[in-house]
Structure formats: structure tokens, C-alpha cells
Amino acid sequence: MTVYDNLAFPLQCRRWDKARTDAKVRQVAEALGLHDRLINPLAGSPPTTIS
């Protein structure tokens, strides 16, 4: 999942159209200082195994 996907998810659940979602995600990313990281995947932990 990317930063963009993470910010866009709630708006997509509300069935916002793609153009409006894109504009809002970019506006929020700019306000949070994340505009340069929109396409980078979020860091995740490696899967754990339970034996």
C-alpha cells in the first residue's frame, strides 16, 4: 500500500469520484509534507511465523 492509497481509501469508501479524490489526497499530502512520498510504499514488518 502506498501513501496515496492510504490517504485515498476513506474517500473511495464514500464513493468520491476519482478527480475529486485525487485533488483532496494531493491537498492533504501537501499540508502534511508528504507530497514527495505519495507513490512510495509504506514500510511494513516482515511476516511472523508461529510454530
PDB file of N, CA and C in Angstrom:
ATOM      1  N   MET A   1       0.845  -1.173   0.000  1.00  0.00           N
ATOM      2  CA  MET A   1       0.000   0.000   0.000  1.00  0.00           C
ATOM      3  C   MET A   1       0.891   1.236   0.000  1.00  0.00           C
ATOM      4  N   THR A   2       0.526   2.189  -0.787  1.00  0.00           N
ATOM      5  CA  THR A   2       1.289   3.434  -0.857  1.00  0.00           C
ATOM      6  C   THR A   2       0.645   4.502   0.026  1.00  0.00           C
ATOM      7  N   VAL A   3       1.364   5.583   0.215  1.00  0.00           N
ATOM      8  CA  VAL A   3       0.838   6.717   0.975  1.00  0.00           C
ATOM      9  C   VAL A   3      -0.438   7.227   0.302  1.00  0.00           C
ATOM     10  N   TYR A   4      -0.409   7.303  -1.035  1.00  0.00           N
ATOM     11  CA  TYR A   4      -1.584   7.763  -1.788  1.00  0.00           C
ATOM     12  C   TYR A   4      -2.786   6.861  -1.504  1.00  0.00           C
ATOM     13  N   ASP A   5      -2.574   5.545  -1.592  1.00  0.00           N
ATOM     14  CA  ASP A   5      -3.665   4.592  -1.342  1.00  0.00           C
ATOM     15  C   ASP A   5      -4.223   4.741   0.065  1.00  0.00           C
ATOM     16  N   ASN A   6      -3.331   4.941   1.015  1.00  0.00           N
ATOM     17  CA  ASN A   6      -3.747   5.068   2.406  1.00  0.00           C
ATOM     18  C   ASN A   6      -4.586   6.323   2.625  1.00  0.00           C
ATOM     19  N   LEU A   7      -4.210   7.420   1.997  1.00  0.00           N
ATOM     20  CA  LEU A   7      -4.984   8.657   2.136  1.00  0.00           C
ATOM     21  C   LEU A   7      -6.288   8.611   1.341  1.00  0.00           C
ATOM     22  N   ALA A   8      -6.286   7.905   0.210  1.00  0.00           N
ATOM     23  CA  ALA A   8      -7.459   7.877  -0.663  1.00  0.00           C
ATOM     24  C   ALA A   8      -8.531   6.894  -0.196  1.00  0.00           C
ATOM     25  N   PHE A   9      -8.168   5.894   0.573  1.00  0.00           N
ATOM     26  CA  PHE A   9      -9.106   4.833   0.939  1.00  0.00           C
ATOM     27  C   PHE A   9     -10.418   5.332   1.549  1.00  0.00           C
ATOM     28  N   PRO A  10     -10.394   6.198   2.570  1.00  0.00           N
ATOM     29  CA  PRO A  10     -11.673   6.653   3.139  1.00  0.00           C
ATOM     30  C   PRO A  10     -12.549   7.405   2.134  1.00  0.00           C
ATOM     31  N   LEU A  11     -11.912   8.127   1.231  1.00  0.00           N
ATOM     32  CA  LEU A  11     -12.674   8.875   0.236  1.00  0.00           C
ATOM     33  C   LEU A  11     -13.298   7.930  -0.788  1.00  0.00           C
ATOM     34  N   GLN A  12     -12.580   6.873  -1.143  1.00  0.00           N
ATOM     35  CA  GLN A  12     -13.112   5.882  -2.071  1.00  0.00           C
ATOM     36  C   GLN A  12     -14.274   5.121  -1.433  1.00  0.00           C
ATOM     37  N   CYS A  13     -14.207   4.899  -0.136  1.00  0.00           N
ATOM     38  CA  CYS A  13     -15.315   4.245   0.568  1.00  0.00           C
ATOM     39  C   CYS A  13     -16.573   5.107   0.546  1.00  0.00           C
ATOM     40  N   ARG A  14     -16.373   6.401   0.504  1.00  0.00           N
ATOM     41  CA  ARG A  14     -17.508   7.331   0.429  1.00  0.00           C
ATOM     42  C   ARG A  14     -17.954   7.566  -1.009  1.00  0.00           C
ATOM     43  N   ARG A  15     -17.334   6.833  -1.934  1.00  0.00           N
ATOM     44  CA  ARG A  15     -17.671   6.870  -3.358  1.00  0.00           C
ATOM     45  C   ARG A  15     -17.446   8.238  -3.996  1.00  0.00           C
ATOM     46  N   TRP A  16     -16.366   8.893  -3.589  1.00  0.00           N
ATOM     47  CA  TRP A  16     -15.967  10.132  -4.251  1.00  0.00           C
ATOM     48  C   TRP A  16     -15.462   9.781  -5.634  1.00  0.00           C
ATOM     49  N   ASP A  17     -15.684  10.657  -6.609  1.00  0.00           N
ATOM     50  CA  ASP A  17     -15.167  10.396  -7.940  1.00  0.00           C
ATOM     51  C   ASP A  17     -13.643  10.548  -7.928  1.00  0.00           C
ATOM     52  N   LYS A  18     -13.012   9.953  -8.932  1.00  0.00           N
ATOM     53  CA  LYS A  18     -11.549   9.863  -8.967  1.00  0.00           C
ATOM     54  C   LYS A  18     -10.870  11.229  -8.977  1.00  0.00           C
ATOM     55  N   ALA A  19     -11.387  12.175  -9.728  1.00  0.00           N
ATOM     56  CA  ALA A  19     -10.772  13.501  -9.813  1.00  0.00           C
ATOM     57  C   ALA A  19     -10.839  14.232  -8.473  1.00  0.00           C
ATOM     58  N   ARG A  20     -11.969  14.144  -7.820  1.00  0.00           N
ATOM     59  CA  ARG A  20     -12.132  14.813  -6.528  1.00  0.00           C
ATOM     60  C   ARG A  20     -11.239  14.163  -5.467  1.00  0.00           C
ATOM     61  N   THR A  21     -11.176  12.826  -5.490  1.00  0.00           N
ATOM     62  CA  THR A  21     -10.309  12.100  -4.563  1.00  0.00           C
ATOM     63  C   THR A  21      -8.856  12.491  -4.776  1.00  0.00           C
ATOM     64  N   ASP A  22      -8.426  12.512  -6.023  1.00  0.00           N
ATOM     65  CA  ASP A  22      -7.041  12.852  -6.342  1.00  0.00           C
ATOM     66  C   ASP A  22      -6.697  14.255  -5.851  1.00  0.00           C
ATOM     67  N   ALA A  23      -7.580  15.195  -6.084  1.00  0.00           N
ATOM     68  CA  ALA A  23      -7.336  16.574  -5.662  1.00  0.00           C
ATOM     69  C   ALA A  23      -7.227  16.670  -4.140  1.00  0.00           C
ATOM     70  N   LYS A  24      -8.102  15.984  -3.430  1.00  0.00           N
ATOM     71  CA  LYS A  24      -8.103  16.042  -1.970  1.00  0.00           C
ATOM     72  C   LYS A  24      -6.874  15.356  -1.390  1.00  0.00           C
ATOM     73  N   VAL A  25      -6.490  14.201  -1.959  1.00  0.00           N
ATOM     74  CA  VAL A  25      -5.304  13.490  -1.481  1.00  0.00           C
ATOM     75  C   VAL A  25      -4.066  14.358  -1.660  1.00  0.00           C
ATOM     76  N   ARG A  26      -3.940  14.996  -2.812  1.00  0.00           N
ATOM     77  CA  ARG A  26      -2.772  15.847  -3.054  1.00  0.00           C
ATOM     78  C   ARG A  26      -2.770  17.065  -2.127  1.00  0.00           C
ATOM     79  N   GLN A  27      -3.947  17.619  -1.836  1.00  0.00           N
ATOM     80  CA  GLN A  27      -4.052  18.759  -0.925  1.00  0.00           C
ATOM     81  C   GLN A  27      -3.624  18.355   0.493  1.00  0.00           C
ATOM     82  N   VAL A  28      -4.098  17.219   0.959  1.00  0.00           N
ATOM     83  CA  VAL A  28      -3.757  16.747   2.298  1.00  0.00           C
ATOM     84  C   VAL A  28      -2.272  16.383   2.375  1.00  0.00           C
ATOM     85  N   ALA A  29      -1.759  15.718   1.342  1.00  0.00           N
ATOM     86  CA  ALA A  29      -0.345  15.347   1.320  1.00  0.00           C
ATOM     87  C   ALA A  29       0.548  16.588   1.378  1.00  0.00           C
ATOM     88  N   GLU A  30       0.159  17.626   0.671  1.00  0.00           N
ATOM     89  CA  GLU A  30       0.920  18.876   0.693  1.00  0.00           C
ATOM     90  C   GLU A  30       0.899  19.489   2.091  1.00  0.00           C
ATOM     91  N   ALA A  31      -0.265  19.488   2.729  1.00  0.00           N
ATOM     92  CA  ALA A  31      -0.388  20.057   4.074  1.00  0.00           C
ATOM     93  C   ALA A  31       0.430  19.281   5.103  1.00  0.00           C
ATOM     94  N   LEU A  32       0.545  17.966   4.912  1.00  0.00           N
ATOM     95  CA  LEU A  32       1.288  17.126   5.843  1.00  0.00           C
ATOM     96  C   LEU A  32       2.758  16.976   5.472  1.00  0.00           C
ATOM     97  N   GLY A  33       3.148  17.534   4.342  1.00  0.00           N
ATOM     98  CA  GLY A  33       4.531  17.422   3.901  1.00  0.00           C
ATOM     99  C   GLY A  33       4.869  16.065   3.313  1.00  0.00           C
ATOM    100  N   LEU A  34       3.869  15.376   2.795  1.00  0.00           N
ATOM    101  CA  LEU A  34       4.064  14.040   2.235  1.00  0.00           C
ATOM    102  C   LEU A  34       3.997  14.020   0.720  1.00  0.00           C
ATOM    103  N   HIS A  35       3.914  15.176   0.089  1.00  0.00           N
ATOM    104  CA  HIS A  35       3.699  15.231  -1.356  1.00  0.00           C
ATOM    105  C   HIS A  35       4.786  14.519  -2.142  1.00  0.00           C
ATOM    106  N   ASP A  36       6.008  14.467  -1.610  1.00  0.00           N
ATOM    107  CA  ASP A  36       7.089  13.799  -2.332  1.00  0.00           C
ATOM    108  C   ASP A  36       7.133  12.292  -2.080  1.00  0.00           C
ATOM    109  N   ARG A  37       6.256  11.790  -1.203  1.00  0.00           N
ATOM    110  CA  ARG A  37       6.256  10.366  -0.866  1.00  0.00           C
ATOM    111  C   ARG A  37       4.960   9.650  -1.252  1.00  0.00           C
ATOM    112  N   LEU A  38       4.138  10.261  -2.093  1.00  0.00           N
ATOM    113  CA  LEU A  38       2.839   9.693  -2.423  1.00  0.00           C
ATOM    114  C   LEU A  38       2.921   8.307  -3.062  1.00  0.00           C
ATOM    115  N   ILE A  39       3.930   8.052  -3.865  1.00  0.00           N
ATOM    116  CA  ILE A  39       3.976   6.782  -4.585  1.00  0.00           C
ATOM    117  C   ILE A  39       4.869   5.742  -3.904  1.00  0.00           C
ATOM    118  N   ASN A  40       5.516   6.101  -2.806  1.00  0.00           N
ATOM    119  CA  ASN A  40       6.360   5.154  -2.098  1.00  0.00           C
ATOM    120  C   ASN A  40       5.514   4.218  -1.247  1.00  0.00           C
ATOM    121  N   PRO A  41       5.855   2.935  -1.241  1.00  0.00           N
ATOM    122  CA  PRO A  41       5.109   2.015  -0.386  1.00  0.00           C
ATOM    123  C   PRO A  41       5.378   2.296   1.087  1.00  0.00           C
ATOM    124  N   LEU A  42       4.391   2.044   1.904  1.00  0.00           N
ATOM    125  CA  LEU A  42       4.558   2.201   3.337  1.00  0.00           C
ATOM    126  C   LEU A  42       5.399   1.046   3.865  1.00  0.00           C
ATOM    127  N   ALA A  43       6.188   1.309   4.866  1.00  0.00           N
ATOM    128  CA  ALA A  43       7.030   0.265   5.448  1.00  0.00           C
ATOM    129  C   ALA A  43       6.137  -0.720   6.210  1.00  0.00           C
ATOM    130  N   GLY A  44       6.471  -1.952   6.091  1.00  0.00           N
ATOM    131  CA  GLY A  44       5.731  -2.981   6.804  1.00  0.00           C
ATOM    132  C   GLY A  44       6.687  -3.924   7.494  1.00  0.00           C
ATOM    133  N   SER A  45       6.187  -4.607   8.462  1.00  0.00           N
ATOM    134  CA  SER A  45       7.032  -5.571   9.150  1.00  0.00           C
ATOM    135  C   SER A  45       6.998  -6.895   8.407  1.00  0.00           C
ATOM    136  N   PRO A  46       8.069  -7.671   8.529  1.00  0.00           N
ATOM    137  CA  PRO A  46       8.066  -8.974   7.849  1.00  0.00           C
ATOM    138  C   PRO A  46       7.034  -9.902   8.515  1.00  0.00           C
ATOM    139  N   PRO A  47       6.505 -10.827   7.746  1.00  0.00           N
ATOM    140  CA  PRO A  47       5.517 -11.734   8.327  1.00  0.00           C
ATOM    141  C   PRO A  47       6.138 -12.581   9.438  1.00  0.00           C
ATOM    142  N   THR A  48       5.352 -12.818  10.452  1.00  0.00           N
ATOM    143  CA  THR A  48       5.838 -13.636  11.563  1.00  0.00           C
ATOM    144  C   THR A  48       5.274 -15.046  11.442  1.00  0.00           C
ATOM    145  N   THR A  49       6.046 -15.996  11.866  1.00  0.00           N
ATOM    146  CA  THR A  49       5.576 -17.378  11.853  1.00  0.00           C
ATOM    147  C   THR A  49       5.372 -17.843  13.274  1.00  0.00           C
ATOM    148  N   ILE A  50       4.344 -18.570  13.470  1.00  0.00           N
ATOM    149  CA  ILE A  50       4.035 -19.109  14.797  1.00  0.00           C
ATOM    150  C   ILE A  50       4.080 -20.626  14.682  1.00  0.00           C
ATOM    151  N   SER A  51       4.925 -21.231  15.510  1.00  0.00           N
ATOM    152  CA  SER A  51       5.020 -22.687  15.436  1.00  0.00           C
ATOM    153  C   SER A  51       4.489 -23.342  16.679  1.00  0.00           C
TER     154      SER A  51
END
